[in-house]
Amino acid sequence: MTDELLDIIDEDDRIVDQATKSLVHDKGLRHRVGAVLLQREGDRYLIPTASELKAESGRLYHSAAGHVLSGESYVDCAKRELSEETGIVVGIFEYLGSFWFEKDYPTRKEKERFAVYRAIYKDVMGRVKLNEEQVDERWLSLEELRNLYEIRGEVVSLPLQMTFRIYGHTLLGYHGSTPCRRICREQVFRQGQRI
């Protein structure tokens, strides 16, 4: 596998340079991530578990997510990642919003601007085939997602927790202990704490 080239961005999401993914993680440079939540008809979301290849290994994650390649748009990244990680191709993506996620993991430093989308899955699209980055195909109802987030938050990856906190009102009707109004479009998340 080649070391992918990523765009380095500033706090306003403007491209300032390019670097390899390994250098971006080593230096903790700001970069982009596209994420998608795949919703099945009947209000169930594909919420797999991140494999050992992901920084949030063993925790529930977005249906698909990955680094935006240099020159690629957020939505094109989300579409590509969904196809690569689930085998599902969807044409229409609903933009939910974006947020900053920053965390120092043992093997890398993340300074990511997440753009999150929702896509609708229909059975005619074929069976989900998770790749090596995601395990345990799981379709959870809105109530199950809400309960996991409120009661067992530690099993939910930090980026997915941020998605719930910021866009829960859109996804789940969730408001939790830190209400977020529809105008709340950006938050910074550092070392597991909202600031």
N, C-alpha and C. Protein backbone atom coordinates (compact mmCIF):
# COMPACT_ATOMS: atom_id res chain seq x y z
N MET A 1 0.84 -1.18 0.00
CA MET A 1 0.00 0.00 0.00
C MET A 1 0.89 1.24 0.00
N THR A 2 0.57 2.18 -0.88
CA THR A 2 1.38 3.39 -0.98
C THR A 2 0.96 4.38 0.10
N ASP A 3 1.88 5.27 0.44
CA ASP A 3 1.61 6.33 1.41
C ASP A 3 0.83 7.43 0.69
N GLU A 4 -0.44 7.58 1.02
CA GLU A 4 -1.32 8.51 0.31
C GLU A 4 -0.90 9.96 0.52
N LEU A 5 -1.14 10.79 -0.50
CA LEU A 5 -0.86 12.22 -0.42
C LEU A 5 -2.13 12.93 0.04
N LEU A 6 -2.01 13.73 1.11
CA LEU A 6 -3.15 14.45 1.68
C LEU A 6 -2.92 15.94 1.59
N ASP A 7 -4.01 16.70 1.55
CA ASP A 7 -3.91 18.15 1.62
C ASP A 7 -3.78 18.56 3.09
N ILE A 8 -2.84 19.44 3.38
CA ILE A 8 -2.71 20.04 4.70
C ILE A 8 -3.55 21.31 4.66
N ILE A 9 -4.34 21.53 5.71
CA ILE A 9 -5.25 22.67 5.73
C ILE A 9 -5.00 23.55 6.95
N ASP A 10 -5.51 24.78 6.89
CA ASP A 10 -5.43 25.67 8.05
C ASP A 10 -6.75 25.59 8.83
N GLU A 11 -6.88 26.40 9.86
CA GLU A 11 -8.07 26.36 10.71
C GLU A 11 -9.35 26.73 9.97
N ASP A 12 -9.22 27.40 8.83
CA ASP A 12 -10.37 27.78 8.03
C ASP A 12 -10.62 26.82 6.87
N ASP A 13 -9.97 25.66 6.93
CA ASP A 13 -10.15 24.61 5.92
C ASP A 13 -9.60 24.99 4.55
N ARG A 14 -8.63 25.88 4.52
CA ARG A 14 -7.97 26.24 3.27
C ARG A 14 -6.71 25.39 3.10
N ILE A 15 -6.49 24.92 1.89
CA ILE A 15 -5.31 24.10 1.61
C ILE A 15 -4.07 24.98 1.63
N VAL A 16 -3.08 24.54 2.42
CA VAL A 16 -1.83 25.30 2.53
C VAL A 16 -0.62 24.52 2.02
N ASP A 17 -0.77 23.19 1.89
CA ASP A 17 0.35 22.36 1.44
C ASP A 17 -0.17 20.94 1.23
N GLN A 18 0.72 20.04 0.84
CA GLN A 18 0.43 18.61 0.74
C GLN A 18 1.54 17.85 1.46
N ALA A 19 1.17 16.67 1.97
CA ALA A 19 2.17 15.80 2.60
C ALA A 19 1.62 14.37 2.59
N THR A 20 2.52 13.42 2.80
CA THR A 20 2.08 12.03 2.88
C THR A 20 1.32 11.81 4.18
N LYS A 21 0.46 10.81 4.16
CA LYS A 21 -0.35 10.51 5.35
C LYS A 21 0.54 10.21 6.56
N SER A 22 1.63 9.47 6.35
CA SER A 22 2.50 9.14 7.48
C SER A 22 3.12 10.40 8.09
N LEU A 23 3.53 11.36 7.26
CA LEU A 23 4.10 12.60 7.78
C LEU A 23 3.03 13.44 8.48
N VAL A 24 1.84 13.49 7.91
CA VAL A 24 0.72 14.23 8.52
C VAL A 24 0.45 13.70 9.92
N HIS A 25 0.42 12.36 10.08
CA HIS A 25 0.17 11.77 11.40
C HIS A 25 1.35 11.93 12.35
N ASP A 26 2.55 11.83 11.82
CA ASP A 26 3.74 11.98 12.65
C ASP A 26 3.86 13.38 13.23
N LYS A 27 3.58 14.38 12.42
CA LYS A 27 3.72 15.79 12.83
C LYS A 27 2.43 16.38 13.40
N GLY A 28 1.32 15.68 13.27
CA GLY A 28 0.05 16.22 13.76
C GLY A 28 -0.43 17.39 12.94
N LEU A 29 -0.33 17.29 11.61
CA LEU A 29 -0.76 18.36 10.72
C LEU A 29 -2.26 18.28 10.46
N ARG A 30 -2.88 19.43 10.28
CA ARG A 30 -4.32 19.48 10.02
C ARG A 30 -4.63 18.89 8.64
N HIS A 31 -5.65 18.03 8.60
CA HIS A 31 -6.06 17.41 7.35
C HIS A 31 -7.55 17.09 7.39
N ARG A 32 -8.06 16.55 6.29
CA ARG A 32 -9.50 16.33 6.12
C ARG A 32 -9.87 14.85 6.19
N VAL A 33 -11.10 14.62 6.69
CA VAL A 33 -11.67 13.27 6.74
C VAL A 33 -13.11 13.36 6.25
N GLY A 34 -13.52 12.40 5.43
CA GLY A 34 -14.90 12.27 5.01
C GLY A 34 -15.51 11.07 5.71
N ALA A 35 -16.68 11.24 6.31
CA ALA A 35 -17.35 10.15 7.04
C ALA A 35 -18.80 10.07 6.59
N VAL A 36 -19.35 8.87 6.67
CA VAL A 36 -20.74 8.67 6.26
C VAL A 36 -21.44 7.72 7.22
N LEU A 37 -22.68 8.01 7.50
CA LEU A 37 -23.57 7.10 8.23
C LEU A 37 -24.58 6.57 7.22
N LEU A 38 -24.60 5.26 7.05
CA LEU A 38 -25.49 4.61 6.10
C LEU A 38 -26.76 4.21 6.83
N GLN A 39 -27.88 4.75 6.39
CA GLN A 39 -29.16 4.50 7.04
C GLN A 39 -29.99 3.57 6.18
N ARG A 40 -30.40 2.49 6.78
CA ARG A 40 -31.27 1.53 6.10
C ARG A 40 -32.71 2.01 6.21
N GLU A 41 -33.50 1.67 5.20
CA GLU A 41 -34.93 1.97 5.29
C GLU A 41 -35.45 1.33 6.58
N GLY A 42 -36.23 2.07 7.33
CA GLY A 42 -36.69 1.58 8.62
C GLY A 42 -35.88 2.14 9.77
N ASP A 43 -35.08 3.17 9.50
CA ASP A 43 -34.35 3.91 10.54
C ASP A 43 -33.34 3.08 11.32
N ARG A 44 -32.56 2.27 10.64
CA ARG A 44 -31.45 1.56 11.27
C ARG A 44 -30.16 1.99 10.56
N TYR A 45 -29.11 2.24 11.35
CA TYR A 45 -27.83 2.70 10.82
C TYR A 45 -26.79 1.59 10.88
N LEU A 46 -25.96 1.52 9.83
CA LEU A 46 -24.84 0.60 9.85
C LEU A 46 -23.76 1.20 10.75
N ILE A 47 -23.50 0.54 11.88
CA ILE A 47 -22.50 1.00 12.84
C ILE A 47 -21.56 -0.18 13.12
N PRO A 48 -20.53 -0.35 12.28
CA PRO A 48 -19.60 -1.45 12.50
C PRO A 48 -18.60 -1.13 13.60
N THR A 49 -17.79 -2.10 13.94
CA THR A 49 -16.70 -1.92 14.89
C THR A 49 -15.41 -1.70 14.11
N ALA A 50 -14.63 -0.72 14.53
CA ALA A 50 -13.35 -0.44 13.87
C ALA A 50 -12.39 -1.60 14.14
N SER A 51 -11.70 -2.06 13.10
CA SER A 51 -10.74 -3.15 13.24
C SER A 51 -9.44 -2.61 13.84
N GLU A 52 -8.49 -3.51 14.03
CA GLU A 52 -7.19 -3.12 14.60
C GLU A 52 -6.41 -2.19 13.69
N LEU A 53 -6.84 -2.01 12.45
CA LEU A 53 -6.18 -1.09 11.53
C LEU A 53 -6.51 0.38 11.82
N LYS A 54 -7.58 0.63 12.57
CA LYS A 54 -8.02 2.00 12.86
C LYS A 54 -7.53 2.42 14.24
N ALA A 55 -7.35 3.72 14.41
CA ALA A 55 -6.90 4.26 15.70
C ALA A 55 -7.92 3.97 16.80
N GLU A 56 -9.20 3.91 16.45
CA GLU A 56 -10.27 3.67 17.42
C GLU A 56 -10.67 2.19 17.43
N SER A 57 -9.70 1.32 17.30
CA SER A 57 -9.91 -0.13 17.23
C SER A 57 -10.80 -0.63 18.37
N GLY A 58 -11.76 -1.50 18.01
CA GLY A 58 -12.63 -2.11 19.00
C GLY A 58 -13.83 -1.27 19.40
N ARG A 59 -13.94 -0.07 18.85
CA ARG A 59 -15.06 0.81 19.18
C ARG A 59 -15.98 0.97 17.98
N LEU A 60 -17.23 1.28 18.25
CA LEU A 60 -18.20 1.50 17.18
C LEU A 60 -17.82 2.76 16.41
N TYR A 61 -17.98 2.70 15.09
CA TYR A 61 -17.48 3.77 14.23
C TYR A 61 -18.53 4.16 13.20
N HIS A 62 -18.24 5.22 12.46
CA HIS A 62 -19.10 5.59 11.34
C HIS A 62 -19.22 4.40 10.38
N SER A 63 -20.25 4.38 9.56
CA SER A 63 -20.40 3.30 8.58
C SER A 63 -19.14 3.19 7.73
N ALA A 64 -18.57 4.33 7.39
CA ALA A 64 -17.30 4.39 6.66
C ALA A 64 -16.70 5.77 6.89
N ALA A 65 -15.38 5.83 6.92
CA ALA A 65 -14.68 7.11 7.08
C ALA A 65 -13.25 6.94 6.63
N GLY A 66 -12.67 8.04 6.15
CA GLY A 66 -11.27 7.97 5.74
C GLY A 66 -10.74 9.32 5.34
N HIS A 67 -9.46 9.35 5.08
CA HIS A 67 -8.77 10.59 4.74
C HIS A 67 -9.14 11.06 3.33
N VAL A 68 -9.36 12.36 3.23
CA VAL A 68 -9.60 12.98 1.93
C VAL A 68 -8.25 13.09 1.23
N LEU A 69 -8.15 12.50 0.06
CA LEU A 69 -6.91 12.53 -0.70
C LEU A 69 -6.68 13.92 -1.29
N SER A 70 -5.44 14.25 -1.57
CA SER A 70 -5.12 15.54 -2.14
C SER A 70 -5.92 15.75 -3.43
N GLY A 71 -6.61 16.89 -3.52
CA GLY A 71 -7.42 17.21 -4.69
C GLY A 71 -8.81 16.63 -4.68
N GLU A 72 -9.15 15.83 -3.69
CA GLU A 72 -10.46 15.18 -3.60
C GLU A 72 -11.39 16.03 -2.74
N SER A 73 -12.67 16.02 -3.03
CA SER A 73 -13.65 16.73 -2.19
C SER A 73 -14.06 15.84 -1.02
N TYR A 74 -14.63 16.45 0.00
CA TYR A 74 -15.13 15.69 1.15
C TYR A 74 -16.15 14.65 0.71
N VAL A 75 -17.13 15.06 -0.10
CA VAL A 75 -18.20 14.15 -0.48
C VAL A 75 -17.67 13.02 -1.37
N ASP A 76 -16.73 13.32 -2.26
CA ASP A 76 -16.15 12.25 -3.08
C ASP A 76 -15.39 11.26 -2.21
N CYS A 77 -14.72 11.76 -1.18
CA CYS A 77 -14.04 10.88 -0.23
C CYS A 77 -15.05 9.98 0.49
N ALA A 78 -16.14 10.57 0.97
CA ALA A 78 -17.16 9.78 1.68
C ALA A 78 -17.73 8.70 0.77
N LYS A 79 -17.98 9.04 -0.49
CA LYS A 79 -18.50 8.04 -1.44
C LYS A 79 -17.48 6.94 -1.68
N ARG A 80 -16.21 7.32 -1.86
CA ARG A 80 -15.14 6.34 -2.09
C ARG A 80 -14.98 5.42 -0.88
N GLU A 81 -14.94 6.02 0.31
CA GLU A 81 -14.76 5.22 1.52
C GLU A 81 -15.92 4.26 1.75
N LEU A 82 -17.14 4.72 1.48
CA LEU A 82 -18.30 3.84 1.64
C LEU A 82 -18.19 2.64 0.70
N SER A 83 -17.80 2.90 -0.54
CA SER A 83 -17.64 1.82 -1.51
C SER A 83 -16.52 0.87 -1.09
N GLU A 84 -15.37 1.42 -0.68
CA GLU A 84 -14.22 0.59 -0.29
C GLU A 84 -14.49 -0.22 0.97
N GLU A 85 -15.14 0.38 1.96
CA GLU A 85 -15.29 -0.27 3.27
C GLU A 85 -16.54 -1.12 3.39
N THR A 86 -17.54 -0.90 2.51
CA THR A 86 -18.79 -1.68 2.62
C THR A 86 -19.20 -2.35 1.32
N GLY A 87 -18.59 -1.96 0.19
CA GLY A 87 -19.01 -2.49 -1.10
C GLY A 87 -20.29 -1.87 -1.62
N ILE A 88 -20.81 -0.84 -0.96
CA ILE A 88 -22.07 -0.21 -1.34
C ILE A 88 -21.79 1.11 -2.05
N VAL A 89 -22.48 1.30 -3.17
CA VAL A 89 -22.37 2.55 -3.92
C VAL A 89 -23.70 3.29 -3.80
N VAL A 90 -23.64 4.53 -3.31
CA VAL A 90 -24.82 5.37 -3.14
C VAL A 90 -24.56 6.67 -3.89
N GLY A 91 -25.57 7.17 -4.58
CA GLY A 91 -25.40 8.38 -5.36
C GLY A 91 -25.65 9.67 -4.59
N ILE A 92 -26.61 9.66 -3.68
CA ILE A 92 -27.01 10.89 -3.00
C ILE A 92 -26.53 10.87 -1.55
N PHE A 93 -25.80 11.90 -1.17
CA PHE A 93 -25.30 12.05 0.19
C PHE A 93 -25.84 13.34 0.78
N GLU A 94 -26.38 13.26 1.98
CA GLU A 94 -26.88 14.44 2.69
C GLU A 94 -25.78 14.95 3.63
N TYR A 95 -25.37 16.19 3.45
CA TYR A 95 -24.35 16.80 4.30
C TYR A 95 -24.95 17.13 5.66
N LEU A 96 -24.34 16.60 6.72
CA LEU A 96 -24.80 16.89 8.08
C LEU A 96 -24.02 18.03 8.69
N GLY A 97 -22.73 18.15 8.35
CA GLY A 97 -21.91 19.22 8.90
C GLY A 97 -20.48 18.77 9.12
N SER A 98 -19.69 19.63 9.75
CA SER A 98 -18.29 19.31 9.98
C SER A 98 -17.87 19.74 11.38
N PHE A 99 -16.78 19.14 11.84
CA PHE A 99 -16.20 19.50 13.14
C PHE A 99 -14.72 19.15 13.13
N TRP A 100 -13.98 19.75 14.06
CA TRP A 100 -12.57 19.44 14.25
C TRP A 100 -12.44 18.34 15.30
N PHE A 101 -11.56 17.39 15.04
CA PHE A 101 -11.25 16.33 16.00
C PHE A 101 -9.74 16.29 16.16
N GLU A 102 -9.28 16.43 17.40
CA GLU A 102 -7.85 16.39 17.68
C GLU A 102 -7.58 15.44 18.84
N LYS A 103 -6.65 14.52 18.62
CA LYS A 103 -6.29 13.57 19.67
C LYS A 103 -4.91 13.00 19.36
N ASP A 104 -4.11 12.85 20.40
CA ASP A 104 -2.81 12.19 20.27
C ASP A 104 -2.99 10.72 20.66
N TYR A 105 -2.85 9.85 19.68
CA TYR A 105 -2.89 8.40 19.92
C TYR A 105 -1.45 7.94 20.14
N PRO A 106 -1.25 6.73 20.66
CA PRO A 106 0.11 6.24 20.88
C PRO A 106 0.97 6.21 19.62
N THR A 107 0.35 5.97 18.47
CA THR A 107 1.13 5.83 17.23
C THR A 107 0.99 7.00 16.27
N ARG A 108 0.14 7.98 16.60
CA ARG A 108 -0.02 9.11 15.69
C ARG A 108 -0.79 10.25 16.34
N LYS A 109 -0.66 11.42 15.71
CA LYS A 109 -1.36 12.61 16.18
C LYS A 109 -2.41 12.98 15.14
N GLU A 110 -3.65 13.10 15.58
CA GLU A 110 -4.74 13.45 14.67
C GLU A 110 -5.17 14.89 14.87
N LYS A 111 -5.26 15.62 13.78
CA LYS A 111 -5.86 16.96 13.73
C LYS A 111 -6.71 16.96 12.48
N GLU A 112 -7.93 16.46 12.64
CA GLU A 112 -8.78 16.18 11.49
C GLU A 112 -10.03 17.06 11.47
N ARG A 113 -10.35 17.54 10.29
CA ARG A 113 -11.62 18.20 10.06
C ARG A 113 -12.54 17.16 9.42
N PHE A 114 -13.50 16.69 10.19
CA PHE A 114 -14.47 15.70 9.73
C PHE A 114 -15.61 16.39 9.01
N ALA A 115 -15.97 15.91 7.84
CA ALA A 115 -17.22 16.28 7.18
C ALA A 115 -18.08 15.02 7.20
N VAL A 116 -19.27 15.12 7.77
CA VAL A 116 -20.12 13.95 7.98
C VAL A 116 -21.34 14.02 7.06
N TYR A 117 -21.64 12.88 6.46
CA TYR A 117 -22.77 12.74 5.53
C TYR A 117 -23.67 11.59 5.95
N ARG A 118 -24.89 11.64 5.47
CA ARG A 118 -25.81 10.51 5.63
C ARG A 118 -26.20 10.04 4.23
N ALA A 119 -26.26 8.72 4.06
CA ALA A 119 -26.71 8.12 2.80
C ALA A 119 -27.74 7.05 3.13
N ILE A 120 -28.65 6.82 2.21
CA ILE A 120 -29.72 5.84 2.42
C ILE A 120 -29.38 4.55 1.68
N TYR A 121 -29.46 3.44 2.43
CA TYR A 121 -29.21 2.12 1.87
C TYR A 121 -30.54 1.45 1.55
N LYS A 122 -30.58 0.80 0.39
CA LYS A 122 -31.75 0.01 -0.01
C LYS A 122 -31.27 -1.39 -0.35
N ASP A 123 -32.09 -2.39 -0.03
CA ASP A 123 -31.70 -3.78 -0.26
C ASP A 123 -31.28 -4.06 -1.70
N VAL A 124 -31.86 -3.34 -2.67
CA VAL A 124 -31.51 -3.58 -4.07
C VAL A 124 -30.05 -3.21 -4.37
N MET A 125 -29.39 -2.50 -3.45
CA MET A 125 -27.98 -2.13 -3.64
C MET A 125 -27.03 -3.30 -3.42
N GLY A 126 -27.56 -4.40 -2.91
CA GLY A 126 -26.72 -5.57 -2.64
C GLY A 126 -26.33 -5.67 -1.18
N ARG A 127 -25.65 -6.75 -0.88
CA ARG A 127 -25.26 -7.05 0.50
C ARG A 127 -24.03 -6.23 0.90
N VAL A 128 -24.01 -5.78 2.14
CA VAL A 128 -22.83 -5.08 2.68
C VAL A 128 -21.69 -6.09 2.82
N LYS A 129 -20.50 -5.69 2.33
CA LYS A 129 -19.30 -6.53 2.44
C LYS A 129 -18.22 -5.68 3.08
N LEU A 130 -18.08 -5.78 4.40
CA LEU A 130 -17.09 -4.98 5.11
C LEU A 130 -15.68 -5.40 4.72
N ASN A 131 -14.79 -4.42 4.59
CA ASN A 131 -13.40 -4.75 4.30
C ASN A 131 -12.63 -4.92 5.61
N GLU A 132 -11.31 -4.97 5.51
CA GLU A 132 -10.48 -5.26 6.69
C GLU A 132 -10.44 -4.12 7.72
N GLU A 133 -10.99 -2.94 7.38
CA GLU A 133 -10.97 -1.82 8.32
C GLU A 133 -12.17 -1.82 9.26
N GLN A 134 -13.21 -2.53 8.90
CA GLN A 134 -14.44 -2.57 9.70
C GLN A 134 -14.81 -4.04 9.93
N VAL A 135 -15.28 -4.35 11.11
CA VAL A 135 -15.74 -5.71 11.44
C VAL A 135 -17.11 -5.62 12.08
N ASP A 136 -17.78 -6.75 12.17
CA ASP A 136 -19.04 -6.87 12.90
C ASP A 136 -20.13 -5.96 12.32
N GLU A 137 -20.66 -6.38 11.16
CA GLU A 137 -21.77 -5.62 10.56
C GLU A 137 -22.92 -5.58 11.55
N ARG A 138 -23.32 -4.37 11.90
CA ARG A 138 -24.36 -4.18 12.90
C ARG A 138 -25.25 -3.03 12.46
N TRP A 139 -26.56 -3.30 12.37
CA TRP A 139 -27.54 -2.27 12.04
C TRP A 139 -28.29 -1.94 13.33
N LEU A 140 -28.13 -0.72 13.80
CA LEU A 140 -28.72 -0.32 15.07
C LEU A 140 -29.85 0.68 14.85
N SER A 141 -30.89 0.51 15.63
CA SER A 141 -32.02 1.44 15.57
C SER A 141 -31.63 2.75 16.25
N LEU A 142 -32.46 3.74 16.06
CA LEU A 142 -32.22 5.03 16.71
C LEU A 142 -32.19 4.87 18.23
N GLU A 143 -33.08 4.08 18.76
CA GLU A 143 -33.12 3.87 20.22
C GLU A 143 -31.86 3.15 20.70
N GLU A 144 -31.40 2.15 19.97
CA GLU A 144 -30.19 1.43 20.36
C GLU A 144 -28.97 2.36 20.31
N LEU A 145 -28.89 3.20 19.29
CA LEU A 145 -27.80 4.17 19.21
C LEU A 145 -27.83 5.14 20.38
N ARG A 146 -29.01 5.63 20.69
CA ARG A 146 -29.16 6.57 21.81
C ARG A 146 -28.73 5.91 23.11
N ASN A 147 -29.17 4.68 23.35
CA ASN A 147 -28.81 3.97 24.59
C ASN A 147 -27.32 3.71 24.68
N LEU A 148 -26.71 3.29 23.58
CA LEU A 148 -25.26 3.06 23.60
C LEU A 148 -24.51 4.34 23.92
N TYR A 149 -24.90 5.42 23.31
CA TYR A 149 -24.21 6.69 23.54
C TYR A 149 -24.40 7.18 24.97
N GLU A 150 -25.62 7.07 25.49
CA GLU A 150 -25.91 7.60 26.82
C GLU A 150 -25.43 6.69 27.94
N ILE A 151 -25.49 5.38 27.74
CA ILE A 151 -25.21 4.44 28.82
C ILE A 151 -23.81 3.85 28.72
N ARG A 152 -23.36 3.53 27.52
CA ARG A 152 -22.06 2.87 27.33
C ARG A 152 -21.21 3.65 26.34
N GLY A 153 -21.05 4.94 26.58
CA GLY A 153 -20.32 5.81 25.68
C GLY A 153 -18.92 5.34 25.35
N GLU A 154 -18.29 4.57 26.24
CA GLU A 154 -16.90 4.13 26.01
C GLU A 154 -16.79 3.15 24.84
N VAL A 155 -17.89 2.52 24.42
CA VAL A 155 -17.82 1.59 23.29
C VAL A 155 -17.99 2.31 21.95
N VAL A 156 -18.27 3.60 22.02
CA VAL A 156 -18.46 4.41 20.82
C VAL A 156 -17.19 5.22 20.57
N SER A 157 -16.66 5.17 19.35
CA SER A 157 -15.44 5.91 19.02
C SER A 157 -15.64 7.40 19.28
N LEU A 158 -14.54 8.09 19.56
CA LEU A 158 -14.63 9.52 19.84
C LEU A 158 -15.19 10.32 18.66
N PRO A 159 -14.78 10.04 17.40
CA PRO A 159 -15.40 10.79 16.30
C PRO A 159 -16.90 10.53 16.17
N LEU A 160 -17.35 9.31 16.41
CA LEU A 160 -18.78 9.02 16.34
C LEU A 160 -19.51 9.69 17.51
N GLN A 161 -18.88 9.76 18.68
CA GLN A 161 -19.47 10.50 19.79
C GLN A 161 -19.66 11.97 19.42
N MET A 162 -18.66 12.55 18.74
CA MET A 162 -18.78 13.95 18.32
C MET A 162 -19.94 14.11 17.35
N THR A 163 -20.08 13.18 16.43
CA THR A 163 -21.20 13.24 15.49
C THR A 163 -22.52 13.23 16.24
N PHE A 164 -22.64 12.37 17.24
CA PHE A 164 -23.87 12.31 18.03
C PHE A 164 -24.10 13.61 18.78
N ARG A 165 -23.04 14.12 19.39
CA ARG A 165 -23.19 15.36 20.17
C ARG A 165 -23.63 16.53 19.33
N ILE A 166 -23.05 16.66 18.15
CA ILE A 166 -23.31 17.84 17.32
C ILE A 166 -24.54 17.66 16.44
N TYR A 167 -24.70 16.48 15.85
CA TYR A 167 -25.77 16.28 14.87
C TYR A 167 -26.82 15.28 15.33
N GLY A 168 -26.78 14.94 16.62
CA GLY A 168 -27.74 13.99 17.16
C GLY A 168 -29.18 14.41 16.95
N HIS A 169 -29.43 15.71 17.04
CA HIS A 169 -30.79 16.20 16.83
C HIS A 169 -31.28 15.85 15.44
N THR A 170 -30.39 15.82 14.47
CA THR A 170 -30.76 15.47 13.11
C THR A 170 -30.86 13.96 12.95
N LEU A 171 -29.89 13.23 13.52
CA LEU A 171 -29.85 11.79 13.36
C LEU A 171 -30.80 11.06 14.28
N LEU A 172 -30.80 11.46 15.55
CA LEU A 172 -31.47 10.66 16.56
C LEU A 172 -32.51 11.40 17.38
N GLY A 173 -32.60 12.68 17.21
CA GLY A 173 -33.44 13.45 18.11
C GLY A 173 -32.81 13.54 19.48
N TYR A 174 -31.47 13.35 19.56
CA TYR A 174 -30.75 13.32 20.83
C TYR A 174 -30.27 14.72 21.20
N HIS A 175 -30.43 15.06 22.48
CA HIS A 175 -29.92 16.35 22.95
C HIS A 175 -28.96 16.20 24.13
N GLY A 176 -29.05 15.12 24.88
CA GLY A 176 -28.07 14.81 25.93
C GLY A 176 -27.84 15.92 26.93
N SER A 177 -26.71 15.84 27.62
CA SER A 177 -26.40 16.79 28.68
C SER A 177 -25.83 18.09 28.13
N THR A 178 -25.38 18.09 26.87
CA THR A 178 -24.87 19.32 26.26
C THR A 178 -25.67 19.61 25.00
N PRO A 179 -26.83 20.28 25.15
CA PRO A 179 -27.68 20.52 23.98
C PRO A 179 -26.93 21.29 22.90
N CYS A 180 -27.27 20.98 21.70
CA CYS A 180 -26.65 21.64 20.55
C CYS A 180 -27.76 22.04 19.59
N ARG A 181 -27.88 23.30 19.30
CA ARG A 181 -28.90 23.77 18.38
C ARG A 181 -28.47 23.54 16.94
N ARG A 182 -29.40 23.63 16.04
CA ARG A 182 -29.15 23.39 14.63
C ARG A 182 -28.04 24.30 14.08
N ILE A 183 -27.86 25.48 14.64
CA ILE A 183 -26.82 26.39 14.14
C ILE A 183 -25.42 25.95 14.58
N CYS A 184 -25.34 25.02 15.51
CA CYS A 184 -24.05 24.53 15.99
C CYS A 184 -23.44 23.66 14.90
N ARG A 185 -22.51 24.17 14.16
CA ARG A 185 -21.93 23.45 13.04
C ARG A 185 -20.47 23.06 13.25
N GLU A 186 -19.81 23.62 14.23
CA GLU A 186 -18.40 23.26 14.43
C GLU A 186 -18.07 23.21 15.91
N GLN A 187 -17.34 22.19 16.28
CA GLN A 187 -16.82 22.04 17.63
C GLN A 187 -15.39 21.55 17.49
N VAL A 188 -14.59 21.80 18.48
CA VAL A 188 -13.24 21.24 18.51
C VAL A 188 -13.22 20.19 19.59
N PHE A 189 -12.64 19.05 19.29
CA PHE A 189 -12.59 17.93 20.22
C PHE A 189 -11.13 17.57 20.40
N ARG A 190 -10.59 17.81 21.58
CA ARG A 190 -9.19 17.52 21.87
C ARG A 190 -9.09 16.53 23.01
N GLN A 191 -8.32 15.50 22.83
CA GLN A 191 -8.03 14.53 23.88
C GLN A 191 -9.29 14.08 24.61
N GLY A 192 -10.36 13.89 23.84
CA GLY A 192 -11.59 13.38 24.42
C GLY A 192 -12.42 14.43 25.13
N GLN A 193 -12.08 15.70 25.06
CA GLN A 193 -12.83 16.74 25.74
C GLN A 193 -13.28 17.80 24.75
N ARG A 194 -14.54 18.21 24.85
CA ARG A 194 -15.04 19.28 24.00
C ARG A 194 -14.58 20.60 24.60
N ILE A 195 -14.05 21.49 23.77
CA ILE A 195 -13.61 22.79 24.29
C ILE A 195 -14.27 23.92 23.51
